[in-house]
Amino acid sequence: MQATMTPPEVLVPLRLTRDVSVSPLQGAATSVSQLAYMALREAILAMDAYDPDADLRLDEKQLAAKLGVSRTPVRQALARLQSEGLVEVLPRRGVRVVRKSREQIVEMIIAWAALESMAARLMCQRASDEQVQSLRGLMESFDPEGLRSHLDEYSAANLLFHQRIIELSHSQVIADLADGLLVHVRAIRRHTISEGDRAERSVVDHMHIIEALEARDVELAERLVREHALNLALHVERTWRVGED
């Protein structure tokens, strides 16, 4: 059974929001506190904290009104989200969605490189031929020459591609560790994919990775996945400006 991560429909919407957008809670089978936590977590995962115009501030009173609950379950939900590293409490500034610094982002991508490259090694050993083939299905409709007119669609497919490698490692430990990084790595990949020729090179890199996985070439697949991620870390280190506040 493959490893599981946060569902793609939560982490990989076609477009991300600039703020935490929530709707009134529905569902009586779960506690109000749990529903508030789930709604806020999904809303945070659906936003782009690295958009320069993103509104990172969270107001308990406003969130409670939008969710249609008292402030107590919202406060409890925010405490859980703080423990997960998705929000932070700043003295005299209230609560806000976490935005990592450039240095932290680079370190997270390096950690992701370690996890995903090991996932690729395990995928060679554990995934079925059909599961490996599913990666080709994500990429085969994208032609590097016409990619610029389909960047939103490719960006989503790109994220699913990397999430799929993690899941097909069939290692729940790796999946759990990667899940905590993905919300930040996802936003960085979305922002950088349109810079220079990164999108076109990404398609080529992905096809080489797929070929190595299909050949069950453990060493090559692991190296290609690691280099692909480390190239992103190098690009961010050289060019990234968001998150320096």
C-alpha atoms as a PDB file:
ATOM      1  CA  MET A   1       0.000   0.000   0.000  1.00  0.00           C
ATOM      2  CA  GLN A   2       1.452   3.363  -1.011  1.00  0.00           C
ATOM      3  CA  ALA A   3       2.253   6.048   1.531  1.00  0.00           C
ATOM      4  CA  THR A   4      -0.282   8.860   2.002  1.00  0.00           C
ATOM      5  CA  MET A   5       0.213  12.617   2.216  1.00  0.00           C
ATOM      6  CA  THR A   6      -2.117  15.606   2.393  1.00  0.00           C
ATOM      7  CA  PRO A   7      -4.606  15.015  -0.480  1.00  0.00           C
ATOM      8  CA  PRO A   8      -3.603  16.643  -3.801  1.00  0.00           C
ATOM      9  CA  GLU A   9      -6.886  18.547  -4.016  1.00  0.00           C
ATOM     10  CA  VAL A  10      -5.865  20.380  -0.824  1.00  0.00           C
ATOM     11  CA  LEU A  11      -2.199  21.020  -1.609  1.00  0.00           C
ATOM     12  CA  VAL A  12      -2.347  21.437  -5.362  1.00  0.00           C
ATOM     13  CA  PRO A  13      -5.205  23.760  -6.358  1.00  0.00           C
ATOM     14  CA  LEU A  14      -4.775  25.280  -9.822  1.00  0.00           C
ATOM     15  CA  ARG A  15      -4.418  28.728  -8.225  1.00  0.00           C
ATOM     16  CA  LEU A  16      -3.563  29.765  -4.685  1.00  0.00           C
ATOM     17  CA  THR A  17      -5.302  32.506  -2.698  1.00  0.00           C
ATOM     18  CA  ARG A  18      -3.698  35.598  -1.151  1.00  0.00           C
ATOM     19  CA  ASP A  19      -5.440  35.252   2.199  1.00  0.00           C
ATOM     20  CA  VAL A  20      -7.097  32.694   4.470  1.00  0.00           C
ATOM     21  CA  SER A  21     -10.571  32.319   2.948  1.00  0.00           C
ATOM     22  CA  VAL A  22     -13.031  30.301   5.059  1.00  0.00           C
ATOM     23  CA  SER A  23     -16.763  29.597   4.911  1.00  0.00           C
ATOM     24  CA  PRO A  24     -19.327  28.746   7.630  1.00  0.00           C
ATOM     25  CA  LEU A  25     -18.751  25.313   9.125  1.00  0.00           C
ATOM     26  CA  GLN A  26     -20.940  22.387   8.195  1.00  0.00           C
ATOM     27  CA  GLY A  27     -21.154  18.870   9.607  1.00  0.00           C
ATOM     28  CA  ALA A  28     -22.458  17.652  12.920  1.00  0.00           C
ATOM     29  CA  ALA A  29     -20.565  14.360  13.174  1.00  0.00           C
ATOM     30  CA  THR A  30     -17.337  16.069  14.251  1.00  0.00           C
ATOM     31  CA  SER A  31     -16.642  18.458  17.124  1.00  0.00           C
ATOM     32  CA  VAL A  32     -16.767  22.187  16.402  1.00  0.00           C
ATOM     33  CA  SER A  33     -13.126  22.483  17.462  1.00  0.00           C
ATOM     34  CA  GLN A  34     -12.060  19.780  14.989  1.00  0.00           C
ATOM     35  CA  LEU A  35     -14.138  21.310  12.190  1.00  0.00           C
ATOM     36  CA  ALA A  36     -12.610  24.735  12.827  1.00  0.00           C
ATOM     37  CA  TYR A  37      -9.120  23.243  12.769  1.00  0.00           C
ATOM     38  CA  MET A  38      -9.786  21.377   9.513  1.00  0.00           C
ATOM     39  CA  ALA A  39     -11.319  24.440   7.831  1.00  0.00           C
ATOM     40  CA  LEU A  40      -8.488  26.767   8.869  1.00  0.00           C
ATOM     41  CA  ARG A  41      -5.775  24.268   7.941  1.00  0.00           C
ATOM     42  CA  GLU A  42      -7.258  23.705   4.488  1.00  0.00           C
ATOM     43  CA  ALA A  43      -7.607  27.466   3.955  1.00  0.00           C
ATOM     44  CA  ILE A  44      -3.977  28.069   4.942  1.00  0.00           C
ATOM     45  CA  LEU A  45      -2.786  25.287   2.638  1.00  0.00           C
ATOM     46  CA  ALA A  46      -4.795  26.863  -0.194  1.00  0.00           C
ATOM     47  CA  MET A  47      -3.026  30.214   0.115  1.00  0.00           C
ATOM     48  CA  ASP A  48       0.320  31.403  -1.188  1.00  0.00           C
ATOM     49  CA  ALA A  49       2.197  32.816   1.775  1.00  0.00           C
ATOM     50  CA  TYR A  50       5.020  33.855  -0.561  1.00  0.00           C
ATOM     51  CA  ASP A  51       2.916  36.130  -2.736  1.00  0.00           C
ATOM     52  CA  PRO A  52       4.280  39.645  -1.974  1.00  0.00           C
ATOM     53  CA  ASP A  53       0.693  40.861  -1.582  1.00  0.00           C
ATOM     54  CA  ALA A  54      -0.441  37.972   0.628  1.00  0.00           C
ATOM     55  CA  ASP A  55      -2.325  38.950   3.794  1.00  0.00           C
ATOM     56  CA  LEU A  56      -0.680  36.798   6.457  1.00  0.00           C
ATOM     57  CA  ARG A  57      -2.604  38.250   9.410  1.00  0.00           C
ATOM     58  CA  LEU A  58      -5.188  36.159  11.240  1.00  0.00           C
ATOM     59  CA  ASP A  59      -7.835  37.720  13.462  1.00  0.00           C
ATOM     60  CA  GLU A  60      -9.616  35.395  15.903  1.00  0.00           C
ATOM     61  CA  LYS A  61     -12.766  37.492  15.993  1.00  0.00           C
ATOM     62  CA  GLN A  62     -13.073  37.751  12.214  1.00  0.00           C
ATOM     63  CA  LEU A  63     -12.344  34.062  11.699  1.00  0.00           C
ATOM     64  CA  ALA A  64     -14.949  33.098  14.297  1.00  0.00           C
ATOM     65  CA  ALA A  65     -17.544  35.273  12.549  1.00  0.00           C
ATOM     66  CA  LYS A  66     -16.764  33.800   9.132  1.00  0.00           C
ATOM     67  CA  LEU A  67     -16.869  30.236  10.455  1.00  0.00           C
ATOM     68  CA  GLY A  68     -20.032  30.899  12.460  1.00  0.00           C
ATOM     69  CA  VAL A  69     -18.563  29.740  15.778  1.00  0.00           C
ATOM     70  CA  SER A  70     -17.343  31.238  19.033  1.00  0.00           C
ATOM     71  CA  ARG A  71     -13.725  32.324  19.464  1.00  0.00           C
ATOM     72  CA  THR A  72     -12.851  29.336  21.679  1.00  0.00           C
ATOM     73  CA  PRO A  73     -12.686  26.681  18.900  1.00  0.00           C
ATOM     74  CA  VAL A  74     -10.820  29.140  16.676  1.00  0.00           C
ATOM     75  CA  ARG A  75      -8.284  29.740  19.444  1.00  0.00           C
ATOM     76  CA  GLN A  76      -7.901  25.971  19.912  1.00  0.00           C
ATOM     77  CA  ALA A  77      -7.484  25.462  16.162  1.00  0.00           C
ATOM     78  CA  LEU A  78      -4.816  28.164  15.951  1.00  0.00           C
ATOM     79  CA  ALA A  79      -2.917  26.542  18.823  1.00  0.00           C
ATOM     80  CA  ARG A  80      -2.828  23.249  16.890  1.00  0.00           C
ATOM     81  CA  LEU A  81      -1.750  25.018  13.719  1.00  0.00           C
ATOM     82  CA  GLN A  82       1.008  26.778  15.632  1.00  0.00           C
ATOM     83  CA  SER A  83       2.303  23.410  16.875  1.00  0.00           C
ATOM     84  CA  GLU A  84       2.373  22.252  13.223  1.00  0.00           C
ATOM     85  CA  GLY A  85       4.388  25.292  12.181  1.00  0.00           C
ATOM     86  CA  LEU A  86       1.705  26.761   9.926  1.00  0.00           C
ATOM     87  CA  VAL A  87       0.995  29.868  12.022  1.00  0.00           C
ATOM     88  CA  GLU A  88       3.002  31.886  14.517  1.00  0.00           C
ATOM     89  CA  VAL A  89       2.156  34.228  17.391  1.00  0.00           C
ATOM     90  CA  LEU A  90       4.124  37.471  17.305  1.00  0.00           C
ATOM     91  CA  PRO A  91       4.336  39.694  20.415  1.00  0.00           C
ATOM     92  CA  ARG A  92       2.114  42.789  19.983  1.00  0.00           C
ATOM     93  CA  ARG A  93       1.437  41.799  16.354  1.00  0.00           C
ATOM     94  CA  GLY A  94      -1.036  38.949  16.775  1.00  0.00           C
ATOM     95  CA  VAL A  95      -1.224  35.709  14.807  1.00  0.00           C
ATOM     96  CA  ARG A  96      -0.074  35.282  11.208  1.00  0.00           C
ATOM     97  CA  VAL A  97       0.559  32.556   8.661  1.00  0.00           C
ATOM     98  CA  VAL A  98       4.210  31.465   8.665  1.00  0.00           C
ATOM     99  CA  ARG A  99       6.434  32.720   5.856  1.00  0.00           C
ATOM    100  CA  LYS A 100       9.946  31.287   5.964  1.00  0.00           C
ATOM    101  CA  SER A 101      13.085  33.337   5.314  1.00  0.00           C
ATOM    102  CA  ARG A 102      15.206  32.690   2.230  1.00  0.00           C
ATOM    103  CA  GLU A 103      17.781  30.837   4.338  1.00  0.00           C
ATOM    104  CA  GLN A 104      15.079  28.657   5.896  1.00  0.00           C
ATOM    105  CA  ILE A 105      13.584  27.942   2.477  1.00  0.00           C
ATOM    106  CA  VAL A 106      16.946  26.793   1.126  1.00  0.00           C
ATOM    107  CA  GLU A 107      17.398  24.484   4.120  1.00  0.00           C
ATOM    108  CA  MET A 108      13.893  23.066   3.607  1.00  0.00           C
ATOM    109  CA  ILE A 109      14.566  22.359  -0.073  1.00  0.00           C
ATOM    110  CA  ILE A 110      17.829  20.615   0.857  1.00  0.00           C
ATOM    111  CA  ALA A 111      15.888  18.466   3.328  1.00  0.00           C
ATOM    112  CA  TRP A 112      13.288  17.795   0.626  1.00  0.00           C
ATOM    113  CA  ALA A 113      16.104  16.735  -1.745  1.00  0.00           C
ATOM    114  CA  ALA A 114      17.268  14.169   0.786  1.00  0.00           C
ATOM    115  CA  LEU A 115      13.768  12.787   1.331  1.00  0.00           C
ATOM    116  CA  GLU A 116      12.693  12.728  -2.316  1.00  0.00           C
ATOM    117  CA  SER A 117      15.943  11.193  -3.562  1.00  0.00           C
ATOM    118  CA  MET A 118      15.608   8.372  -1.037  1.00  0.00           C
ATOM    119  CA  ALA A 119      11.949   8.046  -2.062  1.00  0.00           C
ATOM    120  CA  ALA A 120      13.106   7.617  -5.684  1.00  0.00           C
ATOM    121  CA  ARG A 121      15.506   4.862  -4.608  1.00  0.00           C
ATOM    122  CA  LEU A 122      12.735   3.067  -2.733  1.00  0.00           C
ATOM    123  CA  MET A 123      10.295   3.631  -5.603  1.00  0.00           C
ATOM    124  CA  CYS A 124      12.653   1.743  -7.928  1.00  0.00           C
ATOM    125  CA  GLN A 125      12.538  -1.176  -5.520  1.00  0.00           C
ATOM    126  CA  ARG A 126       8.913  -1.115  -4.385  1.00  0.00           C
ATOM    127  CA  ALA A 127       6.607   0.522  -6.945  1.00  0.00           C
ATOM    128  CA  SER A 128       4.763  -1.497  -9.576  1.00  0.00           C
ATOM    129  CA  ASP A 129       5.280  -0.881 -13.283  1.00  0.00           C
ATOM    130  CA  GLU A 130       1.807   0.688 -13.430  1.00  0.00           C
ATOM    131  CA  GLN A 131       2.648   3.070 -10.589  1.00  0.00           C
ATOM    132  CA  VAL A 132       5.896   4.156 -12.242  1.00  0.00           C
ATOM    133  CA  GLN A 133       4.018   4.630 -15.519  1.00  0.00           C
ATOM    134  CA  SER A 134       1.611   7.020 -13.771  1.00  0.00           C
ATOM    135  CA  LEU A 135       4.413   9.609 -13.623  1.00  0.00           C
ATOM    136  CA  ARG A 136       4.693   9.580 -17.400  1.00  0.00           C
ATOM    137  CA  GLY A 137       0.947  10.205 -17.579  1.00  0.00           C
ATOM    138  CA  LEU A 138       1.401  13.422 -15.590  1.00  0.00           C
ATOM    139  CA  MET A 139       4.074  14.769 -17.930  1.00  0.00           C
ATOM    140  CA  GLU A 140       3.453  13.432 -21.415  1.00  0.00           C
ATOM    141  CA  SER A 141       0.875  16.081 -22.396  1.00  0.00           C
ATOM    142  CA  PHE A 142       3.353  18.955 -21.865  1.00  0.00           C
ATOM    143  CA  ASP A 143       5.567  20.041 -24.758  1.00  0.00           C
ATOM    144  CA  PRO A 144       8.479  22.278 -23.674  1.00  0.00           C
ATOM    145  CA  GLU A 145       7.986  24.464 -26.752  1.00  0.00           C
ATOM    146  CA  GLY A 146       4.384  25.400 -25.890  1.00  0.00           C
ATOM    147  CA  LEU A 147       4.709  25.349 -22.126  1.00  0.00           C
ATOM    148  CA  ARG A 148       4.437  29.109 -21.556  1.00  0.00           C
ATOM    149  CA  SER A 149       0.736  29.142 -22.405  1.00  0.00           C
ATOM    150  CA  HIS A 150      -0.007  26.355 -19.889  1.00  0.00           C
ATOM    151  CA  LEU A 151       2.115  27.325 -16.877  1.00  0.00           C
ATOM    152  CA  ASP A 152      -0.698  27.046 -14.301  1.00  0.00           C
ATOM    153  CA  GLU A 153      -1.547  23.539 -15.472  1.00  0.00           C
ATOM    154  CA  TYR A 154       2.103  22.530 -15.634  1.00  0.00           C
ATOM    155  CA  SER A 155       2.810  23.978 -12.197  1.00  0.00           C
ATOM    156  CA  ALA A 156       0.060  21.792 -10.708  1.00  0.00           C
ATOM    157  CA  ALA A 157       1.320  18.711 -12.590  1.00  0.00           C
ATOM    158  CA  ASN A 158       4.868  19.474 -11.434  1.00  0.00           C
ATOM    159  CA  LEU A 159       3.799  19.459  -7.789  1.00  0.00           C
ATOM    160  CA  LEU A 160       1.805  16.247  -8.241  1.00  0.00           C
ATOM    161  CA  PHE A 161       4.852  14.651  -9.878  1.00  0.00           C
ATOM    162  CA  HIS A 162       7.057  15.273  -6.847  1.00  0.00           C
ATOM    163  CA  GLN A 163       4.329  14.323  -4.377  1.00  0.00           C
ATOM    164  CA  ARG A 164       3.777  11.092  -6.308  1.00  0.00           C
ATOM    165  CA  ILE A 165       7.446  10.087  -6.017  1.00  0.00           C
ATOM    166  CA  ILE A 166       7.209  10.489  -2.246  1.00  0.00           C
ATOM    167  CA  GLU A 167       4.004   8.438  -2.055  1.00  0.00           C
ATOM    168  CA  LEU A 168       5.326   5.648  -4.290  1.00  0.00           C
ATOM    169  CA  SER A 169       8.305   5.131  -1.999  1.00  0.00           C
ATOM    170  CA  HIS A 170       5.753   3.201   0.080  1.00  0.00           C
ATOM    171  CA  SER A 171       7.396   4.713   3.155  1.00  0.00           C
ATOM    172  CA  GLN A 172       4.905   6.397   5.464  1.00  0.00           C
ATOM    173  CA  VAL A 173       7.754   7.843   7.542  1.00  0.00           C
ATOM    174  CA  ILE A 174       9.201   9.656   4.514  1.00  0.00           C
ATOM    175  CA  ALA A 175       5.699  10.783   3.498  1.00  0.00           C
ATOM    176  CA  ASP A 176       4.980  12.221   6.940  1.00  0.00           C
ATOM    177  CA  LEU A 177       8.289  14.097   7.034  1.00  0.00           C
ATOM    178  CA  ALA A 178       7.824  15.444   3.499  1.00  0.00           C
ATOM    179  CA  ASP A 179       4.248  16.532   4.179  1.00  0.00           C
ATOM    180  CA  GLY A 180       5.433  19.184   6.628  1.00  0.00           C
ATOM    181  CA  LEU A 181       7.798  20.633   4.025  1.00  0.00           C
ATOM    182  CA  LEU A 182       5.508  20.460   1.022  1.00  0.00           C
ATOM    183  CA  VAL A 183       3.365  23.504   1.815  1.00  0.00           C
ATOM    184  CA  HIS A 184       6.480  25.719   1.627  1.00  0.00           C
ATOM    185  CA  VAL A 185       8.316  23.862  -1.147  1.00  0.00           C
ATOM    186  CA  ARG A 186       5.084  23.927  -3.164  1.00  0.00           C
ATOM    187  CA  ALA A 187       4.870  27.724  -3.040  1.00  0.00           C
ATOM    188  CA  ILE A 188       8.522  28.125  -4.018  1.00  0.00           C
ATOM    189  CA  ARG A 189       8.159  25.771  -6.982  1.00  0.00           C
ATOM    190  CA  ARG A 190       5.074  27.701  -8.127  1.00  0.00           C
ATOM    191  CA  HIS A 191       6.906  31.023  -8.010  1.00  0.00           C
ATOM    192  CA  THR A 192      10.140  29.905  -9.641  1.00  0.00           C
ATOM    193  CA  ILE A 193       8.658  27.761 -12.430  1.00  0.00           C
ATOM    194  CA  SER A 194       8.092  30.835 -14.640  1.00  0.00           C
ATOM    195  CA  GLU A 195      11.587  32.277 -14.153  1.00  0.00           C
ATOM    196  CA  GLY A 196      14.041  31.988 -17.029  1.00  0.00           C
ATOM    197  CA  ASP A 197      13.823  28.610 -18.725  1.00  0.00           C
ATOM    198  CA  ARG A 198      13.126  26.685 -15.528  1.00  0.00           C
ATOM    199  CA  ALA A 199       9.795  25.289 -16.768  1.00  0.00           C
ATOM    200  CA  GLU A 200      11.294  23.906 -19.952  1.00  0.00           C
ATOM    201  CA  ARG A 201      14.270  22.414 -18.120  1.00  0.00           C
ATOM    202  CA  SER A 202      11.883  20.958 -15.542  1.00  0.00           C
ATOM    203  CA  VAL A 203      10.054  18.942 -18.215  1.00  0.00           C
ATOM    204  CA  VAL A 204      13.353  17.552 -19.517  1.00  0.00           C
ATOM    205  CA  ASP A 205      14.547  16.708 -15.994  1.00  0.00           C
ATOM    206  CA  HIS A 206      11.284  14.945 -15.230  1.00  0.00           C
ATOM    207  CA  MET A 207      11.468  12.775 -18.341  1.00  0.00           C
ATOM    208  CA  HIS A 208      15.026  11.728 -17.474  1.00  0.00           C
ATOM    209  CA  ILE A 209      13.866  10.858 -13.947  1.00  0.00           C
ATOM    210  CA  ILE A 210      10.971   8.806 -15.325  1.00  0.00           C
ATOM    211  CA  GLU A 211      13.309   6.917 -17.660  1.00  0.00           C
ATOM    212  CA  ALA A 212      15.636   6.077 -14.759  1.00  0.00           C
ATOM    213  CA  LEU A 213      12.707   4.905 -12.632  1.00  0.00           C
ATOM    214  CA  GLU A 214      11.285   2.793 -15.457  1.00  0.00           C
ATOM    215  CA  ALA A 215      14.723   1.187 -15.920  1.00  0.00           C
ATOM    216  CA  ARG A 216      14.873   0.553 -12.156  1.00  0.00           C
ATOM    217  CA  ASP A 217      18.259   2.285 -12.155  1.00  0.00           C
ATOM    218  CA  VAL A 218      18.406   2.997  -8.433  1.00  0.00           C
ATOM    219  CA  GLU A 219      21.603   5.062  -8.376  1.00  0.00           C
ATOM    220  CA  LEU A 220      20.682   7.211 -11.380  1.00  0.00           C
ATOM    221  CA  ALA A 221      17.103   7.866 -10.248  1.00  0.00           C
ATOM    222  CA  GLU A 222      18.285   8.883  -6.787  1.00  0.00           C
ATOM    223  CA  ARG A 223      20.972  11.200  -8.212  1.00  0.00           C
ATOM    224  CA  LEU A 224      18.705  12.862 -10.777  1.00  0.00           C
ATOM    225  CA  VAL A 225      15.975  13.590  -8.218  1.00  0.00           C
ATOM    226  CA  ARG A 226      18.495  14.986  -5.729  1.00  0.00           C
ATOM    227  CA  GLU A 227      20.185  17.210  -8.333  1.00  0.00           C
ATOM    228  CA  HIS A 228      16.810  18.465  -9.568  1.00  0.00           C
ATOM    229  CA  ALA A 229      15.871  19.647  -6.064  1.00  0.00           C
ATOM    230  CA  LEU A 230      19.312  21.040  -5.245  1.00  0.00           C
ATOM    231  CA  ASN A 231      19.232  23.116  -8.440  1.00  0.00           C
ATOM    232  CA  LEU A 232      16.053  24.713  -7.090  1.00  0.00           C
ATOM    233  CA  ALA A 233      17.802  25.429  -3.777  1.00  0.00           C
ATOM    234  CA  LEU A 234      20.686  27.088  -5.645  1.00  0.00           C
ATOM    235  CA  HIS A 235      18.264  29.188  -7.708  1.00  0.00           C
ATOM    236  CA  VAL A 236      16.413  30.362  -4.580  1.00  0.00           C
ATOM    237  CA  GLU A 237      19.678  31.171  -2.822  1.00  0.00           C
ATOM    238  CA  ARG A 238      20.755  33.351  -5.753  1.00  0.00           C
ATOM    239  CA  THR A 239      17.509  35.085  -6.641  1.00  0.00           C
ATOM    240  CA  TRP A 240      14.832  34.819  -3.912  1.00  0.00           C
ATOM    241  CA  ARG A 241      13.683  38.007  -2.210  1.00  0.00           C
ATOM    242  CA  VAL A 242      10.277  37.226  -0.656  1.00  0.00           C
ATOM    243  CA  GLY A 243      10.558  36.236   2.989  1.00  0.00           C
ATOM    244  CA  GLU A 244      13.348  38.633   3.888  1.00  0.00           C
ATOM    245  CA  ASP A 245      11.107  40.784   6.102  1.00  0.00           C
END
